[in-house]
Amino acid sequence: MHRAPLGDVEPDLSPVYGAEAISLVTQLTRESWSLSGRAWPQYVRSETPYRFVPGRTS
């Protein structure tokens, strides 16, 4: 992936915070994953595959 500017930042007229934000992220993640047509991951949280890649932090 490469960082690229997205253009002008527009103000969020309906910000979401706290539990409502977590709920929204959960809903959007589930919908996006379902639309991908891929099988749901079967690993437990402690076995989540990830790695740290050295590089810029911003």
PDB file of N, CA and C in Angstrom:
ATOM      1  N   MET A   1       0.833  -1.167   0.000  1.00  0.00           N
ATOM      2  CA  MET A   1       0.000   0.000   0.000  1.00  0.00           C
ATOM      3  C   MET A   1       0.882   1.236   0.000  1.00  0.00           C
ATOM      4  N   HIS A   2       0.349   2.272  -0.563  1.00  0.00           N
ATOM      5  CA  HIS A   2       1.052   3.546  -0.598  1.00  0.00           C
ATOM      6  C   HIS A   2       0.147   4.631  -0.031  1.00  0.00           C
ATOM      7  N   ARG A   3       0.746   5.514   0.719  1.00  0.00           N
ATOM      8  CA  ARG A   3      -0.021   6.636   1.257  1.00  0.00           C
ATOM      9  C   ARG A   3      -0.247   7.653   0.143  1.00  0.00           C
ATOM     10  N   ALA A   4      -1.454   8.184   0.110  1.00  0.00           N
ATOM     11  CA  ALA A   4      -1.777   9.190  -0.887  1.00  0.00           C
ATOM     12  C   ALA A   4      -2.785  10.158  -0.288  1.00  0.00           C
ATOM     13  N   PRO A   5      -2.698  11.409  -0.658  1.00  0.00           N
ATOM     14  CA  PRO A   5      -3.686  12.362  -0.141  1.00  0.00           C
ATOM     15  C   PRO A   5      -5.063  12.057  -0.716  1.00  0.00           C
ATOM     16  N   LEU A   6      -6.080  12.268   0.098  1.00  0.00           N
ATOM     17  CA  LEU A   6      -7.446  12.000  -0.338  1.00  0.00           C
ATOM     18  C   LEU A   6      -8.175  13.264  -0.766  1.00  0.00           C
ATOM     19  N   GLY A   7      -7.505  14.367  -0.700  1.00  0.00           N
ATOM     20  CA  GLY A   7      -8.142  15.625  -1.067  1.00  0.00           C
ATOM     21  C   GLY A   7      -8.548  16.392   0.171  1.00  0.00           C
ATOM     22  N   ASP A   8      -9.425  17.346  -0.018  1.00  0.00           N
ATOM     23  CA  ASP A   8      -9.869  18.177   1.089  1.00  0.00           C
ATOM     24  C   ASP A   8     -10.626  17.358   2.126  1.00  0.00           C
ATOM     25  N   VAL A   9     -10.405  17.679   3.384  1.00  0.00           N
ATOM     26  CA  VAL A   9     -11.116  17.021   4.478  1.00  0.00           C
ATOM     27  C   VAL A   9     -12.434  17.750   4.697  1.00  0.00           C
ATOM     28  N   GLU A  10     -13.517  16.996   4.681  1.00  0.00           N
ATOM     29  CA  GLU A  10     -14.827  17.580   4.912  1.00  0.00           C
ATOM     30  C   GLU A  10     -15.236  17.353   6.359  1.00  0.00           C
ATOM     31  N   PRO A  11     -15.904  18.310   6.965  1.00  0.00           N
ATOM     32  CA  PRO A  11     -16.334  18.116   8.351  1.00  0.00           C
ATOM     33  C   PRO A  11     -17.395  17.014   8.442  1.00  0.00           C
ATOM     34  N   ASP A  12     -17.310  16.221   9.492  1.00  0.00           N
ATOM     35  CA  ASP A  12     -18.297  15.170   9.731  1.00  0.00           C
ATOM     36  C   ASP A  12     -19.483  15.814  10.431  1.00  0.00           C
ATOM     37  N   LEU A  13     -20.614  15.859   9.768  1.00  0.00           N
ATOM     38  CA  LEU A  13     -21.784  16.528  10.321  1.00  0.00           C
ATOM     39  C   LEU A  13     -22.542  15.657  11.318  1.00  0.00           C
ATOM     40  N   SER A  14     -22.216  14.363  11.355  1.00  0.00           N
ATOM     41  CA  SER A  14     -22.892  13.450  12.285  1.00  0.00           C
ATOM     42  C   SER A  14     -21.864  12.527  12.946  1.00  0.00           C
ATOM     43  N   PRO A  15     -20.974  13.067  13.774  1.00  0.00           N
ATOM     44  CA  PRO A  15     -19.952  12.214  14.394  1.00  0.00           C
ATOM     45  C   PRO A  15     -20.581  11.183  15.331  1.00  0.00           C
ATOM     46  N   VAL A  16     -19.902  10.049  15.460  1.00  0.00           N
ATOM     47  CA  VAL A  16     -20.367   8.953  16.309  1.00  0.00           C
ATOM     48  C   VAL A  16     -19.257   8.648  17.312  1.00  0.00           C
ATOM     49  N   TYR A  17     -19.632   8.414  18.566  1.00  0.00           N
ATOM     50  CA  TYR A  17     -18.642   8.174  19.614  1.00  0.00           C
ATOM     51  C   TYR A  17     -19.043   6.978  20.469  1.00  0.00           C
ATOM     52  N   GLY A  18     -18.076   6.468  21.236  1.00  0.00           N
ATOM     53  CA  GLY A  18     -18.335   5.457  22.264  1.00  0.00           C
ATOM     54  C   GLY A  18     -18.934   4.173  21.737  1.00  0.00           C
ATOM     55  N   ALA A  19     -19.885   3.630  22.509  1.00  0.00           N
ATOM     56  CA  ALA A  19     -20.500   2.344  22.178  1.00  0.00           C
ATOM     57  C   ALA A  19     -21.182   2.378  20.815  1.00  0.00           C
ATOM     58  N   GLU A  20     -21.763   3.515  20.471  1.00  0.00           N
ATOM     59  CA  GLU A  20     -22.421   3.644  19.169  1.00  0.00           C
ATOM     60  C   GLU A  20     -21.396   3.499  18.033  1.00  0.00           C
ATOM     61  N   ALA A  21     -20.205   4.045  18.221  1.00  0.00           N
ATOM     62  CA  ALA A  21     -19.156   3.942  17.207  1.00  0.00           C
ATOM     63  C   ALA A  21     -18.690   2.495  17.059  1.00  0.00           C
ATOM     64  N   ILE A  22     -18.510   1.804  18.194  1.00  0.00           N
ATOM     65  CA  ILE A  22     -18.092   0.400  18.146  1.00  0.00           C
ATOM     66  C   ILE A  22     -19.149  -0.437  17.440  1.00  0.00           C
ATOM     67  N   SER A  23     -20.407  -0.187  17.734  1.00  0.00           N
ATOM     68  CA  SER A  23     -21.500  -0.908  17.097  1.00  0.00           C
ATOM     69  C   SER A  23     -21.504  -0.678  15.588  1.00  0.00           C
ATOM     70  N   LEU A  24     -21.286   0.564  15.175  1.00  0.00           N
ATOM     71  CA  LEU A  24     -21.255   0.891  13.754  1.00  0.00           C
ATOM     72  C   LEU A  24     -20.102   0.183  13.054  1.00  0.00           C
ATOM     73  N   VAL A  25     -18.921   0.203  13.655  1.00  0.00           N
ATOM     74  CA  VAL A  25     -17.766  -0.471  13.066  1.00  0.00           C
ATOM     75  C   VAL A  25     -18.034  -1.970  12.933  1.00  0.00           C
ATOM     76  N   THR A  26     -18.623  -2.561  13.966  1.00  0.00           N
ATOM     77  CA  THR A  26     -18.948  -3.992  13.927  1.00  0.00           C
ATOM     78  C   THR A  26     -19.908  -4.289  12.783  1.00  0.00           C
ATOM     79  N   GLN A  27     -20.946  -3.492  12.662  1.00  0.00           N
ATOM     80  CA  GLN A  27     -21.937  -3.696  11.606  1.00  0.00           C
ATOM     81  C   GLN A  27     -21.306  -3.552  10.222  1.00  0.00           C
ATOM     82  N   LEU A  28     -20.518  -2.496  10.019  1.00  0.00           N
ATOM     83  CA  LEU A  28     -19.897  -2.277   8.716  1.00  0.00           C
ATOM     84  C   LEU A  28     -18.891  -3.370   8.369  1.00  0.00           C
ATOM     85  N   THR A  29     -18.149  -3.840   9.378  1.00  0.00           N
ATOM     86  CA  THR A  29     -17.177  -4.913   9.150  1.00  0.00           C
ATOM     87  C   THR A  29     -17.881  -6.190   8.728  1.00  0.00           C
ATOM     88  N   ARG A  30     -18.940  -6.553   9.441  1.00  0.00           N
ATOM     89  CA  ARG A  30     -19.692  -7.774   9.101  1.00  0.00           C
ATOM     90  C   ARG A  30     -20.302  -7.682   7.703  1.00  0.00           C
ATOM     91  N   GLU A  31     -20.877  -6.538   7.369  1.00  0.00           N
ATOM     92  CA  GLU A  31     -21.470  -6.365   6.048  1.00  0.00           C
ATOM     93  C   GLU A  31     -20.411  -6.424   4.952  1.00  0.00           C
ATOM     94  N   SER A  32     -19.281  -5.757   5.174  1.00  0.00           N
ATOM     95  CA  SER A  32     -18.206  -5.759   4.176  1.00  0.00           C
ATOM     96  C   SER A  32     -17.654  -7.153   3.966  1.00  0.00           C
ATOM     97  N   TRP A  33     -17.443  -7.880   5.070  1.00  0.00           N
ATOM     98  CA  TRP A  33     -16.900  -9.234   4.958  1.00  0.00           C
ATOM     99  C   TRP A  33     -17.883 -10.126   4.205  1.00  0.00           C
ATOM    100  N   SER A  34     -19.162  -9.997   4.513  1.00  0.00           N
ATOM    101  CA  SER A  34     -20.176 -10.802   3.826  1.00  0.00           C
ATOM    102  C   SER A  34     -20.193 -10.508   2.330  1.00  0.00           C
ATOM    103  N   LEU A  35     -20.069  -9.243   1.965  1.00  0.00           N
ATOM    104  CA  LEU A  35     -20.063  -8.868   0.555  1.00  0.00           C
ATOM    105  C   LEU A  35     -18.837  -9.396  -0.189  1.00  0.00           C
ATOM    106  N   SER A  36     -17.752  -9.656   0.535  1.00  0.00           N
ATOM    107  CA  SER A  36     -16.535 -10.153  -0.121  1.00  0.00           C
ATOM    108  C   SER A  36     -16.699 -11.583  -0.615  1.00  0.00           C
ATOM    109  N   GLY A  37     -17.677 -12.307  -0.029  1.00  0.00           N
ATOM    110  CA  GLY A  37     -17.898 -13.699  -0.433  1.00  0.00           C
ATOM    111  C   GLY A  37     -16.907 -14.675   0.181  1.00  0.00           C
ATOM    112  N   ARG A  38     -16.030 -14.185   1.038  1.00  0.00           N
ATOM    113  CA  ARG A  38     -15.035 -15.055   1.670  1.00  0.00           C
ATOM    114  C   ARG A  38     -15.626 -15.687   2.926  1.00  0.00           C
ATOM    115  N   ALA A  39     -15.065 -16.831   3.314  1.00  0.00           N
ATOM    116  CA  ALA A  39     -15.505 -17.502   4.539  1.00  0.00           C
ATOM    117  C   ALA A  39     -15.082 -16.671   5.746  1.00  0.00           C
ATOM    118  N   TRP A  40     -15.902 -16.729   6.813  1.00  0.00           N
ATOM    119  CA  TRP A  40     -15.560 -16.021   8.044  1.00  0.00           C
ATOM    120  C   TRP A  40     -14.326 -16.648   8.675  1.00  0.00           C
ATOM    121  N   PRO A  41     -13.436 -15.844   9.238  1.00  0.00           N
ATOM    122  CA  PRO A  41     -12.254 -16.395   9.911  1.00  0.00           C
ATOM    123  C   PRO A  41     -12.678 -17.310  11.063  1.00  0.00           C
ATOM    124  N   GLN A  42     -11.905 -18.368  11.295  1.00  0.00           N
ATOM    125  CA  GLN A  42     -12.239 -19.335  12.331  1.00  0.00           C
ATOM    126  C   GLN A  42     -11.248 -19.325  13.487  1.00  0.00           C
ATOM    127  N   TYR A  43     -10.287 -18.419  13.491  1.00  0.00           N
ATOM    128  CA  TYR A  43      -9.302 -18.374  14.567  1.00  0.00           C
ATOM    129  C   TYR A  43      -9.828 -17.579  15.754  1.00  0.00           C
ATOM    130  N   VAL A  44      -9.263 -17.847  16.915  1.00  0.00           N
ATOM    131  CA  VAL A  44      -9.630 -17.094  18.115  1.00  0.00           C
ATOM    132  C   VAL A  44      -8.798 -15.816  18.158  1.00  0.00           C
ATOM    133  N   ARG A  45      -9.252 -14.847  18.929  1.00  0.00           N
ATOM    134  CA  ARG A  45      -8.594 -13.536  18.977  1.00  0.00           C
ATOM    135  C   ARG A  45      -7.100 -13.652  19.306  1.00  0.00           C
ATOM    136  N   SER A  46      -6.734 -14.544  20.227  1.00  0.00           N
ATOM    137  CA  SER A  46      -5.324 -14.683  20.608  1.00  0.00           C
ATOM    138  C   SER A  46      -4.459 -15.213  19.470  1.00  0.00           C
ATOM    139  N   GLU A  47      -5.077 -15.763  18.428  1.00  0.00           N
ATOM    140  CA  GLU A  47      -4.338 -16.305  17.279  1.00  0.00           C
ATOM    141  C   GLU A  47      -4.521 -15.454  16.020  1.00  0.00           C
ATOM    142  N   THR A  48      -5.001 -14.229  16.188  1.00  0.00           N
ATOM    143  CA  THR A  48      -5.219 -13.345  15.054  1.00  0.00           C
ATOM    144  C   THR A  48      -3.905 -13.107  14.308  1.00  0.00           C
ATOM    145  N   PRO A  49      -3.891 -13.358  13.008  1.00  0.00           N
ATOM    146  CA  PRO A  49      -2.642 -13.157  12.251  1.00  0.00           C
ATOM    147  C   PRO A  49      -2.373 -11.670  12.019  1.00  0.00           C
ATOM    148  N   TYR A  50      -1.223 -11.222  12.426  1.00  0.00           N
ATOM    149  CA  TYR A  50      -0.810  -9.855  12.178  1.00  0.00           C
ATOM    150  C   TYR A  50       0.703  -9.797  12.262  1.00  0.00           C
ATOM    151  N   ARG A  51       1.276  -8.729  11.766  1.00  0.00           N
ATOM    152  CA  ARG A  51       2.715  -8.510  11.885  1.00  0.00           C
ATOM    153  C   ARG A  51       2.971  -7.024  11.902  1.00  0.00           C
ATOM    154  N   PHE A  52       4.067  -6.639  12.520  1.00  0.00           N
ATOM    155  CA  PHE A  52       4.476  -5.253  12.562  1.00  0.00           C
ATOM    156  C   PHE A  52       5.486  -5.018  11.454  1.00  0.00           C
ATOM    157  N   VAL A  53       5.275  -3.961  10.701  1.00  0.00           N
ATOM    158  CA  VAL A  53       6.171  -3.640   9.593  1.00  0.00           C
ATOM    159  C   VAL A  53       6.880  -2.337   9.927  1.00  0.00           C
ATOM    160  N   PRO A  54       8.208  -2.373  10.047  1.00  0.00           N
ATOM    161  CA  PRO A  54       8.927  -1.142  10.363  1.00  0.00           C
ATOM    162  C   PRO A  54       8.725  -0.106   9.254  1.00  0.00           C
ATOM    163  N   GLY A  55       8.684   1.124   9.656  1.00  0.00           N
ATOM    164  CA  GLY A  55       8.511   2.179   8.671  1.00  0.00           C
ATOM    165  C   GLY A  55       8.022   3.444   9.311  1.00  0.00           C
ATOM    166  N   ARG A  56       7.459   4.290   8.503  1.00  0.00           N
ATOM    167  CA  ARG A  56       6.953   5.566   9.005  1.00  0.00           C
ATOM    168  C   ARG A  56       5.767   5.341   9.936  1.00  0.00           C
ATOM    169  N   THR A  57       5.643   6.228  10.902  1.00  0.00           N
ATOM    170  CA  THR A  57       4.525   6.134  11.826  1.00  0.00           C
ATOM    171  C   THR A  57       3.437   7.139  11.492  1.00  0.00           C
ATOM    172  N   SER A  58       3.659   7.958  10.501  1.00  0.00           N
ATOM    173  CA  SER A  58       2.623   8.928  10.120  1.00  0.00           C
ATOM    174  C   SER A  58       2.563   9.073   8.623  1.00  0.00           C
TER     175      SER A  58
END
